[in-house]
């Protein structure tokens, strides 16, 4: 009897220790935000220079059965209005893309992971937990970067971000 109680207690304890995202990932379109890393590992600024900009990113999945071009989709970060839409990039059905803050060449790497770069010269995803909720919305092309829900396809909220941690949406 004691071992049964111990097993039940272990199961209950495990259930409370498993981190749960703020909400289940969902979308009203072909693209869905699945993960976000708002705080790149290490210092954001070193010797007055922004560092590891590409360590800050979010992940978008094509949940449709056809290739989708990312061109014009708007990442609306609710704590700012930087307003840079995604570049043209064909994302195959079922594939995921890491959308990096910094610069680089859009590509698919040797492991099959797609990478797109937004070209910012500074960190833009909030990591202090002070932004309004949700912290990131992916909006359909032509939508405004205005911190409003209109045009939202998918969203993600993470609150205060630990150094180098990736959060499931």
N, C-alpha and C. Protein backbone atom coordinates (compact mmCIF):
# COMPACT_ATOMS: atom_id res chain seq x y z
N UNK A 1 0.83 -1.20 0.00
CA UNK A 1 0.00 0.00 0.00
C UNK A 1 0.88 1.26 0.00
N UNK A 2 1.97 1.20 0.77
CA UNK A 2 2.87 2.34 0.84
C UNK A 2 3.47 2.65 -0.53
N UNK A 3 3.82 1.60 -1.31
CA UNK A 3 4.42 1.82 -2.63
C UNK A 3 3.41 2.42 -3.61
N UNK A 4 2.13 2.07 -3.47
CA UNK A 4 1.09 2.64 -4.32
C UNK A 4 0.95 4.13 -4.03
N UNK A 5 0.92 4.49 -2.74
CA UNK A 5 0.82 5.90 -2.36
C UNK A 5 2.03 6.68 -2.84
N UNK A 6 3.19 6.08 -2.74
CA UNK A 6 4.42 6.74 -3.20
C UNK A 6 4.39 6.96 -4.70
N UNK A 7 3.89 5.97 -5.44
CA UNK A 7 3.81 6.09 -6.90
C UNK A 7 2.82 7.19 -7.29
N UNK A 8 1.67 7.23 -6.62
CA UNK A 8 0.67 8.26 -6.90
C UNK A 8 1.24 9.64 -6.56
N UNK A 9 1.92 9.77 -5.46
CA UNK A 9 2.53 11.04 -5.06
C UNK A 9 3.57 11.47 -6.08
N UNK A 10 4.36 10.54 -6.60
CA UNK A 10 5.38 10.86 -7.60
C UNK A 10 4.74 11.36 -8.89
N UNK A 11 3.66 10.72 -9.31
CA UNK A 11 2.96 11.14 -10.53
C UNK A 11 2.39 12.55 -10.36
N UNK A 12 1.76 12.82 -9.21
CA UNK A 12 1.19 14.13 -8.96
C UNK A 12 2.28 15.20 -8.89
N UNK A 13 3.38 14.91 -8.25
CA UNK A 13 4.48 15.85 -8.15
C UNK A 13 5.04 16.16 -9.53
N UNK A 14 5.21 15.14 -10.35
CA UNK A 14 5.72 15.33 -11.70
C UNK A 14 4.79 16.22 -12.50
N UNK A 15 3.49 16.04 -12.36
CA UNK A 15 2.51 16.84 -13.10
C UNK A 15 2.64 18.32 -12.75
N UNK A 16 2.96 18.64 -11.48
CA UNK A 16 3.09 20.03 -11.08
C UNK A 16 4.43 20.63 -11.47
N UNK A 17 5.45 19.81 -11.71
CA UNK A 17 6.77 20.31 -12.05
C UNK A 17 6.98 20.52 -13.54
N UNK A 18 6.13 19.95 -14.38
CA UNK A 18 6.27 20.09 -15.82
C UNK A 18 5.84 21.49 -16.22
N UNK A 19 6.75 22.26 -16.89
CA UNK A 19 6.36 23.61 -17.30
C UNK A 19 5.28 23.57 -18.37
N UNK A 20 4.33 24.46 -18.24
CA UNK A 20 3.21 24.52 -19.18
C UNK A 20 3.28 25.87 -19.89
N UNK A 21 3.17 25.90 -21.24
CA UNK A 21 3.17 27.18 -21.92
C UNK A 21 1.97 28.01 -21.52
N UNK A 22 2.07 29.31 -21.75
CA UNK A 22 0.98 30.21 -21.38
C UNK A 22 -0.32 29.83 -22.10
N UNK A 23 -0.21 29.32 -23.30
CA UNK A 23 -1.37 28.87 -24.04
C UNK A 23 -0.90 27.88 -25.09
N UNK A 24 -1.80 27.06 -25.54
CA UNK A 24 -1.45 26.08 -26.58
C UNK A 24 -1.24 26.81 -27.90
N UNK A 25 -0.25 26.35 -28.65
CA UNK A 25 0.00 26.95 -29.95
C UNK A 25 -1.20 26.73 -30.86
N UNK A 26 -1.59 27.78 -31.56
CA UNK A 26 -2.70 27.67 -32.50
C UNK A 26 -2.51 28.71 -33.59
N UNK A 27 -3.29 28.57 -34.64
CA UNK A 27 -3.22 29.52 -35.73
C UNK A 27 -4.55 29.59 -36.45
N UNK A 28 -4.77 30.72 -37.10
CA UNK A 28 -5.95 30.87 -37.96
C UNK A 28 -5.52 30.87 -39.42
N UNK A 29 -4.28 30.52 -39.69
CA UNK A 29 -3.76 30.50 -41.06
C UNK A 29 -2.81 29.35 -41.27
N UNK A 30 -1.97 29.46 -42.28
CA UNK A 30 -1.03 28.40 -42.64
C UNK A 30 0.23 28.43 -41.78
N UNK A 31 0.49 29.55 -41.11
CA UNK A 31 1.71 29.69 -40.32
C UNK A 31 1.38 29.81 -38.83
N UNK A 32 2.23 29.20 -38.00
CA UNK A 32 1.99 29.19 -36.55
C UNK A 32 3.32 29.38 -35.81
N UNK A 33 3.35 30.30 -34.87
CA UNK A 33 4.52 30.46 -34.01
C UNK A 33 4.53 29.27 -33.05
N UNK A 34 5.64 28.55 -32.98
CA UNK A 34 5.71 27.39 -32.09
C UNK A 34 6.69 27.58 -30.93
N UNK A 35 7.72 28.39 -31.12
CA UNK A 35 8.73 28.60 -30.08
C UNK A 35 9.27 30.02 -30.20
N UNK A 36 9.85 30.50 -29.10
CA UNK A 36 10.51 31.80 -29.10
C UNK A 36 11.71 31.75 -28.16
N UNK A 37 12.81 32.35 -28.59
CA UNK A 37 13.98 32.55 -27.72
C UNK A 37 14.22 34.06 -27.69
N UNK A 38 13.57 34.75 -26.73
CA UNK A 38 13.65 36.21 -26.68
C UNK A 38 14.92 36.75 -26.05
N UNK A 39 15.70 35.90 -25.41
CA UNK A 39 16.89 36.34 -24.70
C UNK A 39 18.06 35.46 -25.12
N UNK A 40 18.85 35.94 -26.07
CA UNK A 40 20.00 35.17 -26.54
C UNK A 40 20.96 34.90 -25.38
N UNK A 41 21.66 33.79 -25.45
CA UNK A 41 22.62 33.43 -24.40
C UNK A 41 23.71 34.50 -24.29
N UNK A 42 24.08 34.86 -23.07
CA UNK A 42 25.13 35.84 -22.86
C UNK A 42 24.61 37.27 -22.85
N UNK A 43 25.54 38.19 -22.76
CA UNK A 43 25.20 39.61 -22.70
C UNK A 43 24.67 40.10 -24.04
N UNK A 44 23.66 40.98 -23.99
CA UNK A 44 23.13 41.59 -25.22
C UNK A 44 24.10 42.61 -25.79
N UNK A 45 24.84 43.27 -24.92
CA UNK A 45 25.80 44.31 -25.34
C UNK A 45 27.13 44.03 -24.67
N UNK A 46 28.19 44.09 -25.47
CA UNK A 46 29.55 43.91 -24.95
C UNK A 46 30.44 44.94 -25.64
N UNK A 47 31.17 45.71 -24.85
CA UNK A 47 32.02 46.78 -25.38
C UNK A 47 31.23 47.73 -26.29
N UNK A 48 30.03 48.11 -25.84
CA UNK A 48 29.13 49.02 -26.56
C UNK A 48 28.70 48.48 -27.92
N UNK A 49 28.73 47.17 -28.12
CA UNK A 49 28.32 46.56 -29.38
C UNK A 49 27.28 45.47 -29.10
N UNK A 50 26.20 45.46 -29.88
CA UNK A 50 25.18 44.42 -29.77
C UNK A 50 25.81 43.07 -30.12
N UNK A 51 25.54 42.05 -29.32
CA UNK A 51 26.13 40.73 -29.56
C UNK A 51 25.06 39.67 -29.72
N UNK A 52 25.40 38.62 -30.44
CA UNK A 52 24.56 37.44 -30.62
C UNK A 52 23.12 37.76 -31.01
N UNK A 53 22.97 38.65 -31.98
CA UNK A 53 21.63 39.01 -32.44
C UNK A 53 20.88 37.81 -33.01
N UNK A 54 21.60 36.89 -33.63
CA UNK A 54 20.93 35.74 -34.23
C UNK A 54 20.61 34.65 -33.21
N UNK A 55 21.06 34.83 -31.96
CA UNK A 55 20.66 33.93 -30.88
C UNK A 55 19.28 34.27 -30.35
N UNK A 56 18.75 35.39 -30.79
CA UNK A 56 17.38 35.81 -30.46
C UNK A 56 16.53 35.49 -31.69
N UNK A 57 15.50 34.66 -31.51
CA UNK A 57 14.70 34.25 -32.66
C UNK A 57 13.35 33.70 -32.22
N UNK A 58 12.47 33.50 -33.21
CA UNK A 58 11.24 32.75 -32.96
C UNK A 58 11.11 31.74 -34.09
N UNK A 59 10.31 30.70 -33.84
CA UNK A 59 10.15 29.60 -34.78
C UNK A 59 8.71 29.60 -35.30
N UNK A 60 8.58 29.51 -36.62
CA UNK A 60 7.28 29.47 -37.27
C UNK A 60 7.18 28.16 -38.03
N UNK A 61 6.03 27.51 -37.93
CA UNK A 61 5.78 26.26 -38.64
C UNK A 61 4.72 26.49 -39.71
N UNK A 62 4.97 25.90 -40.88
CA UNK A 62 3.96 25.88 -41.94
C UNK A 62 3.07 24.68 -41.66
N UNK A 63 1.86 24.92 -41.20
CA UNK A 63 0.94 23.84 -40.83
C UNK A 63 0.03 23.43 -41.99
N UNK A 64 0.26 24.02 -43.16
CA UNK A 64 -0.57 23.68 -44.31
C UNK A 64 0.06 22.53 -45.11
N UNK A 65 -0.60 22.16 -46.18
CA UNK A 65 -0.13 21.07 -47.03
C UNK A 65 0.50 21.60 -48.32
N UNK A 66 0.84 22.91 -48.31
CA UNK A 66 1.47 23.49 -49.49
C UNK A 66 2.56 24.47 -49.05
N UNK A 67 3.46 24.80 -49.95
CA UNK A 67 4.52 25.77 -49.68
C UNK A 67 3.88 27.14 -49.47
N UNK A 68 4.39 27.88 -48.47
CA UNK A 68 3.89 29.22 -48.17
C UNK A 68 5.06 30.19 -48.22
N UNK A 69 4.87 31.32 -48.89
CA UNK A 69 5.90 32.35 -48.92
C UNK A 69 5.70 33.26 -47.70
N UNK A 70 6.77 33.50 -46.96
CA UNK A 70 6.71 34.32 -45.75
C UNK A 70 6.57 35.81 -46.04
N UNK A 71 6.80 36.22 -47.29
CA UNK A 71 6.82 37.63 -47.66
C UNK A 71 5.63 38.40 -47.10
N UNK A 72 5.96 39.47 -46.39
CA UNK A 72 4.94 40.39 -45.92
C UNK A 72 4.29 40.04 -44.60
N UNK A 73 4.45 38.80 -44.10
CA UNK A 73 3.87 38.48 -42.79
C UNK A 73 4.54 39.38 -41.74
N UNK A 74 3.74 39.88 -40.82
CA UNK A 74 4.21 40.90 -39.88
C UNK A 74 4.37 40.33 -38.47
N UNK A 75 5.61 40.26 -37.96
CA UNK A 75 5.79 39.93 -36.54
C UNK A 75 5.54 41.22 -35.74
N UNK A 76 4.47 41.24 -34.98
CA UNK A 76 4.08 42.41 -34.20
C UNK A 76 4.48 42.16 -32.75
N UNK A 77 5.56 42.79 -32.34
CA UNK A 77 6.06 42.66 -30.96
C UNK A 77 5.34 43.73 -30.15
N UNK A 78 4.55 43.31 -29.18
CA UNK A 78 3.63 44.23 -28.52
C UNK A 78 4.27 45.25 -27.60
N UNK A 79 5.58 45.19 -27.39
CA UNK A 79 6.22 46.21 -26.57
C UNK A 79 6.91 47.27 -27.42
N UNK A 80 6.83 47.14 -28.76
CA UNK A 80 7.44 48.13 -29.64
C UNK A 80 6.71 48.11 -30.99
N UNK A 81 7.11 48.98 -31.88
CA UNK A 81 6.53 49.01 -33.22
C UNK A 81 7.66 49.13 -34.25
N UNK A 82 8.51 48.12 -34.31
CA UNK A 82 9.64 48.16 -35.24
C UNK A 82 9.21 47.93 -36.68
N UNK A 83 8.12 47.23 -36.91
CA UNK A 83 7.48 47.19 -38.21
C UNK A 83 8.20 46.57 -39.38
N UNK A 84 9.06 45.63 -39.20
CA UNK A 84 9.76 45.02 -40.32
C UNK A 84 9.10 43.70 -40.67
N UNK A 85 8.44 43.66 -41.82
CA UNK A 85 7.77 42.44 -42.28
C UNK A 85 8.81 41.40 -42.68
N UNK A 86 8.38 40.14 -42.72
CA UNK A 86 9.28 39.06 -43.10
C UNK A 86 9.63 39.15 -44.59
N UNK A 87 10.84 38.71 -44.95
CA UNK A 87 11.25 38.74 -46.35
C UNK A 87 10.63 37.60 -47.13
N UNK A 88 10.82 37.63 -48.43
CA UNK A 88 10.36 36.54 -49.29
C UNK A 88 11.19 35.29 -49.01
N UNK A 89 10.50 34.22 -48.68
CA UNK A 89 11.16 32.93 -48.45
C UNK A 89 10.09 31.85 -48.53
N UNK A 90 10.30 30.86 -49.38
CA UNK A 90 9.34 29.78 -49.53
C UNK A 90 9.58 28.71 -48.47
N UNK A 91 8.58 28.50 -47.61
CA UNK A 91 8.65 27.51 -46.56
C UNK A 91 7.79 26.31 -46.95
N UNK A 92 8.42 25.15 -47.14
CA UNK A 92 7.67 23.97 -47.57
C UNK A 92 6.62 23.54 -46.54
N UNK A 93 5.64 22.79 -47.00
CA UNK A 93 4.59 22.25 -46.14
C UNK A 93 5.21 21.47 -44.99
N UNK A 94 4.75 21.73 -43.77
CA UNK A 94 5.21 21.00 -42.59
C UNK A 94 6.55 21.44 -42.05
N UNK A 95 7.26 22.33 -42.74
CA UNK A 95 8.59 22.76 -42.32
C UNK A 95 8.51 23.87 -41.27
N UNK A 96 9.62 24.04 -40.54
CA UNK A 96 9.74 25.15 -39.59
C UNK A 96 10.89 26.04 -40.01
N UNK A 97 10.79 27.31 -39.62
CA UNK A 97 11.83 28.28 -39.91
C UNK A 97 12.17 29.03 -38.63
N UNK A 98 13.47 29.22 -38.39
CA UNK A 98 13.94 30.06 -37.30
C UNK A 98 14.06 31.47 -37.87
N UNK A 99 13.31 32.41 -37.29
CA UNK A 99 13.33 33.80 -37.74
C UNK A 99 14.23 34.56 -36.78
N UNK A 100 15.46 34.86 -37.23
CA UNK A 100 16.48 35.49 -36.40
C UNK A 100 16.37 37.02 -36.43
N UNK A 101 16.74 37.65 -35.34
CA UNK A 101 16.71 39.10 -35.23
C UNK A 101 17.76 39.76 -36.12
N UNK A 102 18.96 39.23 -36.15
CA UNK A 102 20.09 39.85 -36.85
C UNK A 102 20.12 39.61 -38.34
N UNK A 103 21.33 39.67 -38.89
CA UNK A 103 21.53 39.56 -40.33
C UNK A 103 22.15 38.23 -40.72
N UNK A 104 21.91 37.84 -41.95
CA UNK A 104 22.46 36.62 -42.51
C UNK A 104 21.80 36.36 -43.85
N UNK A 105 22.13 35.24 -44.44
CA UNK A 105 21.54 34.85 -45.71
C UNK A 105 20.45 33.82 -45.44
N UNK A 106 19.26 34.09 -45.91
CA UNK A 106 18.16 33.15 -45.73
C UNK A 106 18.54 31.83 -46.39
N UNK A 107 18.36 30.72 -45.65
CA UNK A 107 18.81 29.44 -46.18
C UNK A 107 18.22 28.25 -45.43
N UNK A 108 18.47 27.08 -45.97
CA UNK A 108 18.18 25.81 -45.30
C UNK A 108 19.54 25.19 -44.99
N UNK A 109 19.77 24.87 -43.71
CA UNK A 109 21.09 24.33 -43.33
C UNK A 109 21.20 22.83 -43.61
N UNK A 110 22.37 22.28 -43.32
CA UNK A 110 22.65 20.86 -43.60
C UNK A 110 21.73 19.92 -42.83
N UNK A 111 21.18 20.38 -41.70
CA UNK A 111 20.26 19.55 -40.91
C UNK A 111 18.82 19.68 -41.39
N UNK A 112 18.60 20.53 -42.40
CA UNK A 112 17.25 20.71 -42.93
C UNK A 112 16.45 21.82 -42.27
N UNK A 113 17.08 22.57 -41.35
CA UNK A 113 16.40 23.66 -40.67
C UNK A 113 16.48 24.92 -41.53
N UNK A 114 15.35 25.60 -41.67
CA UNK A 114 15.30 26.84 -42.45
C UNK A 114 15.61 28.02 -41.52
N UNK A 115 16.30 29.03 -42.06
CA UNK A 115 16.66 30.22 -41.30
C UNK A 115 16.36 31.46 -42.13
N UNK A 116 15.70 32.44 -41.51
CA UNK A 116 15.40 33.72 -42.12
C UNK A 116 15.89 34.79 -41.17
N UNK A 117 16.41 35.89 -41.72
CA UNK A 117 17.00 36.96 -40.92
C UNK A 117 16.25 38.26 -41.15
N UNK A 118 15.98 38.98 -40.04
CA UNK A 118 15.21 40.22 -40.11
C UNK A 118 16.08 41.45 -40.28
N UNK A 119 17.38 41.35 -40.04
CA UNK A 119 18.29 42.44 -40.32
C UNK A 119 18.36 43.57 -39.31
N UNK A 120 17.95 43.32 -38.10
CA UNK A 120 18.06 44.36 -37.07
C UNK A 120 19.48 44.45 -36.53
N UNK A 121 19.87 45.64 -36.10
CA UNK A 121 21.19 45.87 -35.53
C UNK A 121 21.12 45.91 -34.00
N UNK A 122 19.96 45.55 -33.43
CA UNK A 122 19.80 45.53 -31.97
C UNK A 122 18.76 44.44 -31.62
N UNK A 123 18.77 44.02 -30.37
CA UNK A 123 17.81 43.03 -29.90
C UNK A 123 16.42 43.67 -29.86
N UNK A 124 15.40 42.94 -30.32
CA UNK A 124 14.06 43.52 -30.38
C UNK A 124 13.01 42.74 -29.60
N UNK A 125 13.25 41.47 -29.28
CA UNK A 125 12.27 40.70 -28.52
C UNK A 125 12.42 41.02 -27.04
N UNK A 126 11.34 41.41 -26.36
CA UNK A 126 11.45 41.77 -24.95
C UNK A 126 11.77 40.56 -24.09
N UNK A 127 12.67 40.75 -23.12
CA UNK A 127 13.00 39.63 -22.23
C UNK A 127 12.87 39.99 -20.76
N UNK A 128 12.30 41.14 -20.47
CA UNK A 128 12.17 41.54 -19.07
C UNK A 128 10.79 41.29 -18.48
N UNK A 129 9.86 40.77 -19.29
CA UNK A 129 8.52 40.46 -18.79
C UNK A 129 7.62 41.65 -18.63
N UNK A 130 8.06 42.84 -19.04
CA UNK A 130 7.25 44.04 -18.83
C UNK A 130 6.32 44.36 -20.00
N UNK A 131 6.47 43.65 -21.12
CA UNK A 131 5.63 43.92 -22.29
C UNK A 131 4.19 43.50 -22.08
N UNK A 132 3.31 44.04 -22.89
CA UNK A 132 1.90 43.64 -22.83
C UNK A 132 1.75 42.25 -23.41
N UNK A 133 0.65 41.58 -23.11
CA UNK A 133 0.42 40.21 -23.58
C UNK A 133 -0.48 40.22 -24.80
N UNK A 134 -0.29 39.34 -25.81
CA UNK A 134 0.88 38.49 -25.95
C UNK A 134 2.09 39.30 -26.39
N UNK A 135 3.26 38.78 -26.16
CA UNK A 135 4.48 39.50 -26.48
C UNK A 135 4.80 39.49 -27.98
N UNK A 136 4.30 38.50 -28.72
CA UNK A 136 4.58 38.41 -30.16
C UNK A 136 3.36 37.87 -30.89
N UNK A 137 2.97 38.57 -31.94
CA UNK A 137 1.89 38.10 -32.81
C UNK A 137 2.44 37.99 -34.22
N UNK A 138 2.06 36.95 -34.94
CA UNK A 138 2.38 36.86 -36.36
C UNK A 138 1.10 37.21 -37.11
N UNK A 139 1.19 38.26 -37.93
CA UNK A 139 0.01 38.76 -38.63
C UNK A 139 0.12 38.50 -40.13
N UNK A 140 -1.03 38.44 -40.77
CA UNK A 140 -1.05 38.20 -42.22
C UNK A 140 -0.46 39.40 -42.95
N UNK A 141 0.01 39.17 -44.19
CA UNK A 141 0.59 40.28 -44.97
C UNK A 141 -0.39 41.44 -45.09
N UNK A 142 0.17 42.65 -45.04
CA UNK A 142 -0.65 43.85 -45.14
C UNK A 142 -1.17 44.35 -43.81
N UNK A 143 -0.98 43.59 -42.75
CA UNK A 143 -1.43 44.01 -41.42
C UNK A 143 -0.51 45.10 -40.88
N UNK A 144 -1.03 45.88 -39.96
CA UNK A 144 -0.25 46.93 -39.33
C UNK A 144 0.49 46.39 -38.12
N UNK A 145 1.70 46.91 -37.89
CA UNK A 145 2.44 46.64 -36.67
C UNK A 145 2.00 47.71 -35.67
N UNK A 146 0.83 47.47 -35.05
CA UNK A 146 0.21 48.49 -34.22
C UNK A 146 -0.20 48.00 -32.82
N UNK A 147 0.32 46.84 -32.44
CA UNK A 147 0.03 46.28 -31.12
C UNK A 147 -1.45 45.95 -30.92
N UNK A 148 -2.18 45.76 -32.01
CA UNK A 148 -3.58 45.37 -31.94
C UNK A 148 -3.74 43.99 -32.55
N UNK A 149 -4.81 43.31 -32.24
CA UNK A 149 -5.01 41.92 -32.65
C UNK A 149 -5.42 41.74 -34.11
N UNK A 150 -5.89 42.79 -34.78
CA UNK A 150 -6.37 42.65 -36.16
C UNK A 150 -5.31 42.02 -37.05
N UNK A 151 -5.68 40.98 -37.78
CA UNK A 151 -4.78 40.30 -38.71
C UNK A 151 -3.94 39.20 -38.10
N UNK A 152 -4.10 38.96 -36.80
CA UNK A 152 -3.28 37.97 -36.12
C UNK A 152 -3.60 36.55 -36.60
N UNK A 153 -2.54 35.81 -36.95
CA UNK A 153 -2.66 34.40 -37.31
C UNK A 153 -2.30 33.51 -36.13
N UNK A 154 -1.28 33.93 -35.38
CA UNK A 154 -0.76 33.13 -34.27
C UNK A 154 -0.07 34.06 -33.29
N UNK A 155 0.00 33.65 -32.03
CA UNK A 155 0.65 34.50 -31.03
C UNK A 155 1.39 33.66 -30.00
N UNK A 156 2.29 34.32 -29.28
CA UNK A 156 3.09 33.64 -28.26
C UNK A 156 3.41 34.61 -27.13
N UNK A 157 3.33 34.13 -25.91
CA UNK A 157 3.63 34.91 -24.73
C UNK A 157 4.61 34.13 -23.86
N UNK A 158 5.62 34.79 -23.35
CA UNK A 158 6.61 34.08 -22.53
C UNK A 158 6.94 34.77 -21.23
N UNK A 159 6.51 35.99 -21.00
CA UNK A 159 6.83 36.68 -19.75
C UNK A 159 8.31 36.98 -19.66
N UNK A 160 8.87 36.93 -18.46
CA UNK A 160 10.29 37.21 -18.25
C UNK A 160 11.11 36.05 -18.80
N UNK A 161 12.13 36.35 -19.59
CA UNK A 161 12.89 35.32 -20.30
C UNK A 161 14.24 35.04 -19.64
N UNK A 162 14.50 33.76 -19.41
CA UNK A 162 15.79 33.34 -18.89
C UNK A 162 16.83 33.41 -20.00
N UNK A 163 18.06 33.60 -19.64
CA UNK A 163 19.18 33.70 -20.58
C UNK A 163 19.32 32.45 -21.43
N UNK A 164 19.15 32.57 -22.74
CA UNK A 164 19.36 31.46 -23.67
C UNK A 164 18.29 30.39 -23.66
N UNK A 165 17.16 30.62 -23.05
CA UNK A 165 16.11 29.60 -22.98
C UNK A 165 15.10 29.77 -24.12
N UNK A 166 14.68 28.66 -24.70
CA UNK A 166 13.67 28.66 -25.73
C UNK A 166 12.34 28.24 -25.11
N UNK A 167 11.30 29.00 -25.41
CA UNK A 167 9.98 28.75 -24.83
C UNK A 167 9.03 28.20 -25.88
N UNK A 168 8.27 27.17 -25.51
CA UNK A 168 7.22 26.64 -26.38
C UNK A 168 6.01 27.55 -26.28
N UNK A 169 5.32 27.74 -27.38
CA UNK A 169 4.15 28.63 -27.40
C UNK A 169 2.88 27.81 -27.22
